[in-house]
PDB file of N, CA and C in Angstrom:
ATOM      1  N   MET A   1       0.885  -1.040   0.272  1.00  0.00           N
ATOM      2  CA  MET A   1       0.053  -0.202   0.040  1.00  0.00           C
ATOM      3  C   MET A   1       0.876   1.399  -0.010  1.00  0.00           C
ATOM      4  N   SER A   2       0.397   2.279  -1.013  1.00  0.00           N
ATOM      5  CA  SER A   2       1.691   3.416  -0.845  1.00  0.00           C
ATOM      6  C   SER A   2       0.940   4.468   0.330  1.00  0.00           C
ATOM      7  N   ALA A   3       1.565   5.379   0.433  1.00  0.00           N
ATOM      8  CA  ALA A   3       1.775   6.335   1.222  1.00  0.00           C
ATOM      9  C   ALA A   3       0.148   7.325   0.717  1.00  0.00           C
ATOM     10  N   ILE A   4       0.106   7.124  -0.370  1.00  0.00           N
ATOM     11  CA  ILE A   4      -0.807   8.473  -0.728  1.00  0.00           C
ATOM     12  C   ILE A   4      -2.346   7.372  -0.431  1.00  0.00           C
ATOM     13  N   LYS A   5      -2.267   6.282  -0.495  1.00  0.00           N
ATOM     14  CA  LYS A   5      -3.459   5.409  -0.457  1.00  0.00           C
ATOM     15  C   LYS A   5      -3.609   5.428   1.347  1.00  0.00           C
ATOM     16  N   LEU A   6      -2.824   5.470   2.078  1.00  0.00           N
ATOM     17  CA  LEU A   6      -2.963   5.053   3.229  1.00  0.00           C
ATOM     18  C   LEU A   6      -3.481   6.522   3.918  1.00  0.00           C
ATOM     19  N   ASN A   7      -3.086   7.590   3.206  1.00  0.00           N
ATOM     20  CA  ASN A   7      -3.618   8.791   4.143  1.00  0.00           C
ATOM     21  C   ASN A   7      -4.803   8.880   3.613  1.00  0.00           C
ATOM     22  N   ARG A   8      -5.375   8.824   2.271  1.00  0.00           N
ATOM     23  CA  ARG A   8      -6.297   8.593   1.853  1.00  0.00           C
ATOM     24  C   ARG A   8      -7.608   7.810   2.731  1.00  0.00           C
ATOM     25  N   LEU A   9      -6.911   6.759   3.058  1.00  0.00           N
ATOM     26  CA  LEU A   9      -8.047   5.629   4.045  1.00  0.00           C
ATOM     27  C   LEU A   9      -8.111   5.998   5.313  1.00  0.00           C
ATOM     28  N   ILE A  10      -7.019   6.919   5.856  1.00  0.00           N
ATOM     29  CA  ILE A  10      -7.344   7.388   7.096  1.00  0.00           C
ATOM     30  C   ILE A  10      -8.302   8.567   7.164  1.00  0.00           C
ATOM     31  N   LEU A  11      -8.376   9.677   6.037  1.00  0.00           N
ATOM     32  CA  LEU A  11      -9.075  10.410   5.843  1.00  0.00           C
ATOM     33  C   LEU A  11     -10.525   9.939   5.684  1.00  0.00           C
ATOM     34  N   VAL A  12     -10.516   9.280   4.894  1.00  0.00           N
ATOM     35  CA  VAL A  12     -11.875   8.935   4.811  1.00  0.00           C
ATOM     36  C   VAL A  12     -12.788   7.932   6.009  1.00  0.00           C
ATOM     37  N   ASP A  13     -11.604   7.109   6.855  1.00  0.00           N
ATOM     38  CA  ASP A  13     -12.301   6.533   7.900  1.00  0.00           C
ATOM     39  C   ASP A  13     -12.531   7.653   9.238  1.00  0.00           C
ATOM     40  N   ILE A  14     -11.785   8.529   9.045  1.00  0.00           N
ATOM     41  CA  ILE A  14     -12.387  10.049   9.878  1.00  0.00           C
ATOM     42  C   ILE A  14     -13.410  10.514   9.401  1.00  0.00           C
ATOM     43  N   TRP A  15     -13.561  10.542   8.137  1.00  0.00           N
ATOM     44  CA  TRP A  15     -14.915  10.960   7.773  1.00  0.00           C
ATOM     45  C   TRP A  15     -16.022  10.288   8.409  1.00  0.00           C
ATOM     46  N   ARG A  16     -15.795   8.915   7.915  1.00  0.00           N
ATOM     47  CA  ARG A  16     -16.707   8.373   8.348  1.00  0.00           C
ATOM     48  C   ARG A  16     -17.088   8.175  10.007  1.00  0.00           C
ATOM     49  N   HIS A  17     -16.296   8.227  11.063  1.00  0.00           N
ATOM     50  CA  HIS A  17     -16.517   8.296  12.565  1.00  0.00           C
ATOM     51  C   HIS A  17     -16.308   9.695  12.693  1.00  0.00           C
ATOM     52  N   LYS A  18     -16.992  10.616  12.053  1.00  0.00           N
ATOM     53  CA  LYS A  18     -16.463  12.054  12.702  1.00  0.00           C
ATOM     54  C   LYS A  18     -17.594  12.384  13.921  1.00  0.00           C
ATOM     55  N   LEU A  19     -18.725  11.538  14.029  1.00  0.00           N
ATOM     56  CA  LEU A  19     -19.346  11.943  15.463  1.00  0.00           C
ATOM     57  C   LEU A  19     -18.652  11.021  16.542  1.00  0.00           C
ATOM     58  N   VAL A  20     -17.983  10.079  16.505  1.00  0.00           N
ATOM     59  CA  VAL A  20     -17.144   9.682  17.649  1.00  0.00           C
ATOM     60  C   VAL A  20     -16.016  10.333  17.762  1.00  0.00           C
ATOM     61  N   ILE A  21     -15.018  11.149  16.531  1.00  0.00           N
ATOM     62  CA  ILE A  21     -14.391  11.916  17.105  1.00  0.00           C
ATOM     63  C   ILE A  21     -14.930  13.187  18.145  1.00  0.00           C
ATOM     64  N   THR A  22     -15.713  13.645  17.290  1.00  0.00           N
ATOM     65  CA  THR A  22     -16.513  14.947  18.159  1.00  0.00           C
ATOM     66  C   THR A  22     -16.737  14.550  19.563  1.00  0.00           C
ATOM     67  N   LEU A  23     -17.532  13.274  19.782  1.00  0.00           N
ATOM     68  CA  LEU A  23     -17.644  13.054  21.237  1.00  0.00           C
ATOM     69  C   LEU A  23     -16.398  12.464  21.810  1.00  0.00           C
ATOM     70  N   ILE A  24     -15.549  12.552  21.321  1.00  0.00           N
ATOM     71  CA  ILE A  24     -14.175  12.016  22.464  1.00  0.00           C
ATOM     72  C   ILE A  24     -13.753  13.274  22.301  1.00  0.00           C
ATOM     73  N   LEU A  25     -13.161  14.709  21.397  1.00  0.00           N
ATOM     74  CA  LEU A  25     -13.094  15.741  21.964  1.00  0.00           C
ATOM     75  C   LEU A  25     -13.590  16.541  22.685  1.00  0.00           C
ATOM     76  N   ALA A  26     -15.286  16.391  22.757  1.00  0.00           N
ATOM     77  CA  ALA A  26     -15.928  17.218  23.593  1.00  0.00           C
ATOM     78  C   ALA A  26     -15.847  16.325  24.913  1.00  0.00           C
ATOM     79  N   CYS A  27     -15.528  15.073  25.126  1.00  0.00           N
ATOM     80  CA  CYS A  27     -15.207  14.586  26.668  1.00  0.00           C
ATOM     81  C   CYS A  27     -13.937  14.957  27.021  1.00  0.00           C
ATOM     82  N   LEU A  28     -13.095  15.184  26.019  1.00  0.00           N
ATOM     83  CA  LEU A  28     -11.585  15.771  26.403  1.00  0.00           C
ATOM     84  C   LEU A  28     -11.847  16.958  27.100  1.00  0.00           C
ATOM     85  N   GLY A  29     -12.350  17.749  26.611  1.00  0.00           N
ATOM     86  CA  GLY A  29     -12.477  19.284  26.454  1.00  0.00           C
ATOM     87  C   GLY A  29     -13.611  19.262  27.880  1.00  0.00           C
ATOM     88  N   SER A  30     -14.635  18.662  28.010  1.00  0.00           N
ATOM     89  CA  SER A  30     -15.390  18.483  29.301  1.00  0.00           C
ATOM     90  C   SER A  30     -14.218  18.325  30.580  1.00  0.00           C
ATOM     91  N   ALA A  31     -13.306  17.061  30.559  1.00  0.00           N
ATOM     92  CA  ALA A  31     -12.649  16.720  31.308  1.00  0.00           C
ATOM     93  C   ALA A  31     -11.409  17.817  31.974  1.00  0.00           C
ATOM     94  N   LEU A  32     -11.244  18.489  31.133  1.00  0.00           N
ATOM     95  CA  LEU A  32     -10.046  19.565  30.851  1.00  0.00           C
ATOM     96  C   LEU A  32     -11.151  20.523  31.533  1.00  0.00           C
ATOM     97  N   ALA A  33     -12.235  20.798  31.196  1.00  0.00           N
ATOM     98  CA  ALA A  33     -12.921  22.229  31.962  1.00  0.00           C
ATOM     99  C   ALA A  33     -13.122  21.481  33.790  1.00  0.00           C
ATOM    100  N   VAL A  34     -13.250  20.450  33.832  1.00  0.00           N
ATOM    101  CA  VAL A  34     -13.639  19.776  35.343  1.00  0.00           C
ATOM    102  C   VAL A  34     -12.362  20.035  36.191  1.00  0.00           C
ATOM    103  N   VAL A  35     -11.258  20.012  35.515  1.00  0.00           N
ATOM    104  CA  VAL A  35      -9.676  19.869  36.160  1.00  0.00           C
ATOM    105  C   VAL A  35      -9.698  21.379  36.538  1.00  0.00           C
ATOM    106  N   GLU A  36      -9.672  22.544  35.350  1.00  0.00           N
ATOM    107  CA  GLU A  36      -9.963  23.885  35.870  1.00  0.00           C
ATOM    108  C   GLU A  36     -10.802  24.311  36.741  1.00  0.00           C
ATOM    109  N   PHE A  37     -11.930  23.840  36.944  1.00  0.00           N
ATOM    110  CA  PHE A  37     -12.925  24.654  37.605  1.00  0.00           C
ATOM    111  C   PHE A  37     -12.694  23.831  38.902  1.00  0.00           C
ATOM    112  N   THR A  38     -11.943  22.790  39.287  1.00  0.00           N
ATOM    113  CA  THR A  38     -11.877  21.907  40.556  1.00  0.00           C
ATOM    114  C   THR A  38     -10.954  22.907  41.221  1.00  0.00           C
ATOM    115  N   HIS A  39      -9.714  22.972  40.591  1.00  0.00           N
ATOM    116  CA  HIS A  39      -8.834  23.833  40.619  1.00  0.00           C
ATOM    117  C   HIS A  39      -9.140  25.204  41.223  1.00  0.00           C
ATOM    118  N   MET A  40      -9.737  26.085  40.514  1.00  0.00           N
ATOM    119  CA  MET A  40     -10.656  27.421  40.889  1.00  0.00           C
ATOM    120  C   MET A  40     -11.396  27.212  42.139  1.00  0.00           C
ATOM    121  N   ASN A  41     -11.885  26.426  41.968  1.00  0.00           N
ATOM    122  CA  ASN A  41     -12.891  26.422  43.766  1.00  0.00           C
ATOM    123  C   ASN A  41     -11.683  26.190  44.508  1.00  0.00           C
ATOM    124  N   ARG A  42     -10.523  25.394  44.270  1.00  0.00           N
ATOM    125  CA  ARG A  42      -9.764  24.943  45.549  1.00  0.00           C
ATOM    126  C   ARG A  42      -9.122  26.327  45.954  1.00  0.00           C
ATOM    127  N   GLN A  43      -8.936  26.998  45.072  1.00  0.00           N
ATOM    128  CA  GLN A  43      -7.852  28.438  44.941  1.00  0.00           C
ATOM    129  C   GLN A  43      -9.153  29.210  45.988  1.00  0.00           C
ATOM    130  N   LEU A  44     -10.507  29.386  45.693  1.00  0.00           N
ATOM    131  CA  LEU A  44     -11.110  30.177  46.239  1.00  0.00           C
ATOM    132  C   LEU A  44     -11.739  29.732  47.969  1.00  0.00           C
ATOM    133  N   THR A  45     -11.672  28.444  48.009  1.00  0.00           N
ATOM    134  CA  THR A  45     -11.835  27.689  49.118  1.00  0.00           C
ATOM    135  C   THR A  45     -10.807  28.224  50.191  1.00  0.00           C
ATOM    136  N   MET A  46      -9.750  28.485  49.444  1.00  0.00           N
ATOM    137  CA  MET A  46      -8.253  28.692  50.577  1.00  0.00           C
ATOM    138  C   MET A  46      -8.524  30.620  50.458  1.00  0.00           C
ATOM    139  N   THR A  47      -8.821  31.038  49.853  1.00  0.00           N
ATOM    140  CA  THR A  47      -8.898  32.551  49.929  1.00  0.00           C
ATOM    141  C   THR A  47      -9.937  32.863  50.786  1.00  0.00           C
ATOM    142  N   GLU A  48     -11.097  32.264  50.936  1.00  0.00           N
ATOM    143  CA  GLU A  48     -12.405  32.569  51.976  1.00  0.00           C
ATOM    144  C   GLU A  48     -11.609  31.668  53.351  1.00  0.00           C
ATOM    145  N   ASP A  49     -11.191  30.449  53.228  1.00  0.00           N
ATOM    146  CA  ASP A  49     -10.656  30.533  54.822  1.00  0.00           C
ATOM    147  C   ASP A  49      -9.656  31.379  55.476  1.00  0.00           C
ATOM    148  N   LYS A  50      -8.904  32.379  54.466  1.00  0.00           N
ATOM    149  CA  LYS A  50      -7.778  33.158  54.844  1.00  0.00           C
ATOM    150  C   LYS A  50      -8.877  34.061  55.364  1.00  0.00           C
ATOM    151  N   LEU A  51      -9.572  34.635  54.696  1.00  0.00           N
ATOM    152  CA  LEU A  51     -10.693  36.012  54.996  1.00  0.00           C
ATOM    153  C   LEU A  51     -11.171  35.790  56.394  1.00  0.00           C
ATOM    154  N   LEU A  52     -11.713  34.275  56.322  1.00  0.00           N
ATOM    155  CA  LEU A  52     -12.346  34.144  57.762  1.00  0.00           C
ATOM    156  C   LEU A  52     -11.408  34.102  58.961  1.00  0.00           C
ATOM    157  N   GLN A  53     -10.518  33.840  58.629  1.00  0.00           N
ATOM    158  CA  GLN A  53      -9.168  33.754  59.750  1.00  0.00           C
ATOM    159  C   GLN A  53      -8.889  35.180  60.354  1.00  0.00           C
ATOM    160  N   GLN A  54      -8.765  35.679  59.272  1.00  0.00           N
ATOM    161  CA  GLN A  54      -8.722  37.319  59.638  1.00  0.00           C
ATOM    162  C   GLN A  54      -9.752  38.266  60.106  1.00  0.00           C
ATOM    163  N   ARG A  55     -10.727  37.687  59.357  1.00  0.00           N
ATOM    164  CA  ARG A  55     -12.376  38.169  60.342  1.00  0.00           C
ATOM    165  C   ARG A  55     -12.319  37.715  61.580  1.00  0.00           C
ATOM    166  N   ASP A  56     -11.965  36.718  62.335  1.00  0.00           N
ATOM    167  CA  ASP A  56     -11.754  36.199  63.317  1.00  0.00           C
ATOM    168  C   ASP A  56     -10.786  37.132  64.279  1.00  0.00           C
ATOM    169  N   SER A  57      -9.778  37.148  63.799  1.00  0.00           N
ATOM    170  CA  SER A  57      -8.657  38.021  64.354  1.00  0.00           C
ATOM    171  C   SER A  57      -9.337  39.428  64.720  1.00  0.00           C
ATOM    172  N   LEU A  58      -9.677  39.952  63.718  1.00  0.00           N
ATOM    173  CA  LEU A  58     -10.660  41.512  63.624  1.00  0.00           C
ATOM    174  C   LEU A  58     -11.308  41.693  65.056  1.00  0.00           C
ATOM    175  N   GLU A  59     -12.422  40.263  64.739  1.00  0.00           N
ATOM    176  CA  GLU A  59     -13.262  40.299  65.741  1.00  0.00           C
ATOM    177  C   GLU A  59     -12.946  40.162  67.315  1.00  0.00           C
ATOM    178  N   MET A  60     -12.294  39.294  67.329  1.00  0.00           N
ATOM    179  CA  MET A  60     -11.533  39.105  68.775  1.00  0.00           C
ATOM    180  C   MET A  60     -10.156  40.481  68.778  1.00  0.00           C
ATOM    181  N   GLU A  61      -9.882  41.148  68.108  1.00  0.00           N
ATOM    182  CA  GLU A  61      -9.214  42.126  68.568  1.00  0.00           C
ATOM    183  C   GLU A  61     -10.598  43.583  68.549  1.00  0.00           C
ATOM    184  N   TRP A  62     -11.549  43.690  68.344  1.00  0.00           N
ATOM    185  CA  TRP A  62     -12.664  44.501  68.557  1.00  0.00           C
ATOM    186  C   TRP A  62     -13.055  44.209  69.776  1.00  0.00           C
ATOM    187  N   ARG A  63     -12.905  43.239  70.194  1.00  0.00           N
ATOM    188  CA  ARG A  63     -14.092  42.464  71.517  1.00  0.00           C
ATOM    189  C   ARG A  63     -12.731  43.040  72.691  1.00  0.00           C
ATOM    190  N   ASN A  64     -11.383  43.030  72.596  1.00  0.00           N
ATOM    191  CA  ASN A  64     -10.572  43.370  73.756  1.00  0.00           C
ATOM    192  C   ASN A  64     -10.290  44.953  73.518  1.00  0.00           C
ATOM    193  N   LEU A  65     -10.908  45.811  72.513  1.00  0.00           N
ATOM    194  CA  LEU A  65     -10.634  46.925  72.701  1.00  0.00           C
ATOM    195  C   LEU A  65     -11.927  47.267  73.514  1.00  0.00           C
ATOM    196  N   LEU A  66     -12.893  46.928  73.124  1.00  0.00           N
ATOM    197  CA  LEU A  66     -14.289  47.070  73.605  1.00  0.00           C
ATOM    198  C   LEU A  66     -13.992  46.697  75.509  1.00  0.00           C
ATOM    199  N   VAL A  67     -13.288  45.852  75.995  1.00  0.00           N
ATOM    200  CA  VAL A  67     -13.128  45.633  76.870  1.00  0.00           C
ATOM    201  C   VAL A  67     -12.238  46.493  77.860  1.00  0.00           C
ATOM    202  N   GLU A  68     -11.313  46.856  76.986  1.00  0.00           N
ATOM    203  CA  GLU A  68      -9.883  47.932  77.417  1.00  0.00           C
ATOM    204  C   GLU A  68     -11.274  49.471  77.789  1.00  0.00           C
ATOM    205  N   GLN A  69     -11.643  49.865  76.804  1.00  0.00           N
ATOM    206  CA  GLN A  69     -12.572  50.738  76.420  1.00  0.00           C
ATOM    207  C   GLN A  69     -13.561  51.020  78.042  1.00  0.00           C
ATOM    208  N   ARG A  70     -14.281  49.665  78.269  1.00  0.00           N
ATOM    209  CA  ARG A  70     -15.155  49.673  79.362  1.00  0.00           C
ATOM    210  C   ARG A  70     -14.599  49.766  80.551  1.00  0.00           C
ATOM    211  N   ALA A  71     -12.778  49.425  80.886  1.00  0.00           N
ATOM    212  CA  ALA A  71     -12.203  49.452  81.601  1.00  0.00           C
ATOM    213  C   ALA A  71     -12.004  50.663  81.691  1.00  0.00           C
ATOM    214  N   LEU A  72     -11.308  51.450  81.014  1.00  0.00           N
ATOM    215  CA  LEU A  72     -10.832  52.869  80.980  1.00  0.00           C
ATOM    216  C   LEU A  72     -12.197  53.633  81.198  1.00  0.00           C
ATOM    217  N   ALA A  73     -13.407  53.989  80.824  1.00  0.00           N
ATOM    218  CA  ALA A  73     -14.345  54.589  81.514  1.00  0.00           C
ATOM    219  C   ALA A  73     -15.250  54.357  82.690  1.00  0.00           C
ATOM    220  N   GLU A  74     -14.660  53.448  83.388  1.00  0.00           N
ATOM    221  CA  GLU A  74     -15.485  53.077  84.350  1.00  0.00           C
ATOM    222  C   GLU A  74     -15.253  54.372  85.329  1.00  0.00           C
ATOM    223  N   HIS A  75     -16.101  54.235  86.106  1.00  0.00           N
ATOM    224  CA  HIS A  75     -16.569  55.476  86.913  1.00  0.00           C
ATOM    225  C   HIS A  75     -15.658  55.493  87.896  1.00  0.00           C
ATOM    226  N   SER A  76     -15.392  54.408  88.466  1.00  0.00           N
ATOM    227  CA  SER A  76     -14.502  54.353  89.979  1.00  0.00           C
ATOM    228  C   SER A  76     -13.463  54.543  89.811  1.00  0.00           C
ATOM    229  N   ARG A  77     -12.943  54.071  88.336  1.00  0.00           N
ATOM    230  CA  ARG A  77     -11.233  54.321  87.564  1.00  0.00           C
ATOM    231  C   ARG A  77     -11.245  56.134  87.530  1.00  0.00           C
ATOM    232  N   VAL A  78     -12.451  56.330  86.833  1.00  0.00           N
ATOM    233  CA  VAL A  78     -12.135  58.006  86.508  1.00  0.00           C
ATOM    234  C   VAL A  78     -11.993  58.874  88.205  1.00  0.00           C
ATOM    235  N   GLU A  79     -13.254  58.188  88.447  1.00  0.00           N
ATOM    236  CA  GLU A  79     -13.102  58.943  89.751  1.00  0.00           C
ATOM    237  C   GLU A  79     -11.462  58.859  90.556  1.00  0.00           C
ATOM    238  N   ASP A  80     -11.116  57.683  90.623  1.00  0.00           N
ATOM    239  CA  ASP A  80      -9.619  57.461  91.274  1.00  0.00           C
ATOM    240  C   ASP A  80      -8.420  58.712  90.596  1.00  0.00           C
ATOM    241  N   ILE A  81      -8.696  58.334  89.404  1.00  0.00           N
ATOM    242  CA  ILE A  81      -7.803  59.642  88.367  1.00  0.00           C
ATOM    243  C   ILE A  81      -7.894  61.190  88.509  1.00  0.00           C
ATOM    244  N   ALA A  82      -9.066  61.444  89.031  1.00  0.00           N
ATOM    245  CA  ALA A  82      -9.741  63.110  89.325  1.00  0.00           C
ATOM    246  C   ALA A  82      -9.206  63.202  90.458  1.00  0.00           C
ATOM    247  N   ALA A  83      -9.051  62.100  91.325  1.00  0.00           N
ATOM    248  CA  ALA A  83      -8.625  62.531  93.108  1.00  0.00           C
ATOM    249  C   ALA A  83      -7.126  62.427  92.961  1.00  0.00           C
ATOM    250  N   ASN A  84      -6.543  61.254  92.387  1.00  0.00           N
ATOM    251  CA  ASN A  84      -4.778  61.398  92.674  1.00  0.00           C
ATOM    252  C   ASN A  84      -4.217  61.658  91.787  1.00  0.00           C
ATOM    253  N   GLN A  85      -4.281  62.077  90.570  1.00  0.00           N
ATOM    254  CA  GLN A  85      -3.852  62.867  89.332  1.00  0.00           C
ATOM    255  C   GLN A  85      -3.687  64.092  89.735  1.00  0.00           C
ATOM    256  N   LEU A  86      -5.360  64.951  89.760  1.00  0.00           N
ATOM    257  CA  LEU A  86      -5.532  65.940  89.374  1.00  0.00           C
ATOM    258  C   LEU A  86      -5.666  66.565  90.512  1.00  0.00           C
ATOM    259  N   ASN A  87      -6.126  66.105  91.918  1.00  0.00           N
ATOM    260  CA  ASN A  87      -6.285  66.811  92.967  1.00  0.00           C
ATOM    261  C   ASN A  87      -7.397  67.309  93.348  1.00  0.00           C
ATOM    262  N   MET A  88      -8.351  66.563  92.509  1.00  0.00           N
ATOM    263  CA  MET A  88      -9.932  67.152  92.494  1.00  0.00           C
ATOM    264  C   MET A  88     -10.439  66.415  93.731  1.00  0.00           C
ATOM    265  N   VAL A  89     -11.454  67.193  94.435  1.00  0.00           N
ATOM    266  CA  VAL A  89     -12.108  66.745  95.545  1.00  0.00           C
ATOM    267  C   VAL A  89     -13.939  67.128  95.347  1.00  0.00           C
ATOM    268  N   ARG A  90     -14.724  65.787  95.879  1.00  0.00           N
ATOM    269  CA  ARG A  90     -15.956  66.229  95.317  1.00  0.00           C
ATOM    270  C   ARG A  90     -16.629  67.310  96.501  1.00  0.00           C
ATOM    271  N   PRO A  91     -17.155  67.977  95.714  1.00  0.00           N
ATOM    272  CA  PRO A  91     -17.704  69.292  96.660  1.00  0.00           C
ATOM    273  C   PRO A  91     -18.675  69.092  97.675  1.00  0.00           C
ATOM    274  N   TYR A  92     -19.031  69.780  98.801  1.00  0.00           N
ATOM    275  CA  TYR A  92     -20.216  69.491  99.606  1.00  0.00           C
ATOM    276  C   TYR A  92     -20.694  70.503 100.035  1.00  0.00           C
ATOM    277  N   GLY A  93     -22.146  70.179 100.850  1.00  0.00           N
ATOM    278  CA  GLY A  93     -22.630  71.155 100.743  1.00  0.00           C
ATOM    279  C   GLY A  93     -22.610  72.823 100.224  1.00  0.00           C
ATOM    280  N   ALA A  94     -22.301  73.806 101.294  1.00  0.00           N
ATOM    281  CA  ALA A  94     -21.643  75.242 100.686  1.00  0.00           C
ATOM    282  C   ALA A  94     -20.734  75.180  99.549  1.00  0.00           C
ATOM    283  N   GLN A  95     -19.788  74.582  99.271  1.00  0.00           N
ATOM    284  CA  GLN A  95     -19.310  74.246  98.348  1.00  0.00           C
ATOM    285  C   GLN A  95     -20.136  74.341  96.607  1.00  0.00           C
ATOM    286  N   GLU A  96     -20.771  73.628  96.771  1.00  0.00           N
ATOM    287  CA  GLU A  96     -21.626  73.500  95.506  1.00  0.00           C
ATOM    288  C   GLU A  96     -21.838  74.407  94.797  1.00  0.00           C
ATOM    289  N   VAL A  97     -22.055  74.894  93.763  1.00  0.00           N
ATOM    290  CA  VAL A  97     -22.484  76.097  92.740  1.00  0.00           C
ATOM    291  C   VAL A  97     -23.258  75.424  91.815  1.00  0.00           C
ATOM    292  N   VAL A  98     -24.665  75.883  91.757  1.00  0.00           N
ATOM    293  CA  VAL A  98     -25.969  75.040  90.858  1.00  0.00           C
ATOM    294  C   VAL A  98     -25.789  76.572  89.984  1.00  0.00           C
ATOM    295  N   VAL A  99     -25.679  76.046  88.076  1.00  0.00           N
ATOM    296  CA  VAL A  99     -25.440  77.054  87.147  1.00  0.00           C
ATOM    297  C   VAL A  99     -27.196  76.642  86.402  1.00  0.00           C
ATOM    298  N   GLN A 100     -27.413  78.096  86.024  1.00  0.00           N
ATOM    299  CA  GLN A 100     -28.974  77.961  85.489  1.00  0.00           C
ATOM    300  C   GLN A 100     -28.897  78.609  84.368  1.00  0.00           C
ATOM    301  N   GLN A 101     -29.537  78.259  83.303  1.00  0.00           N
ATOM    302  CA  GLN A 101     -29.655  78.852  82.044  1.00  0.00           C
ATOM    303  C   GLN A 101     -30.705  79.397  82.271  1.00  0.00           C
TER     304      GLN A 101
END
């Protein structure tokens, strides 16, 4: 068999089975698409996990700041600072002055 007849025979066979070849190519394309989407899904999942960890860290820092703010604004602490550092005293009786608008 010569090379020309072999080439022609291959082309005729491909033409005859074009549906099968099309289905094979579609399956390969589908498989590659599944691999690509799986990879993208894993990357997005890792990004989501990092963002969730960052959110949890920021929430914990926020809670600590709220606790610190409450501790600093506590009335007895403010009163203690006024008395010790600023030498302020609470006025009694005649020392009180009422300002009216």
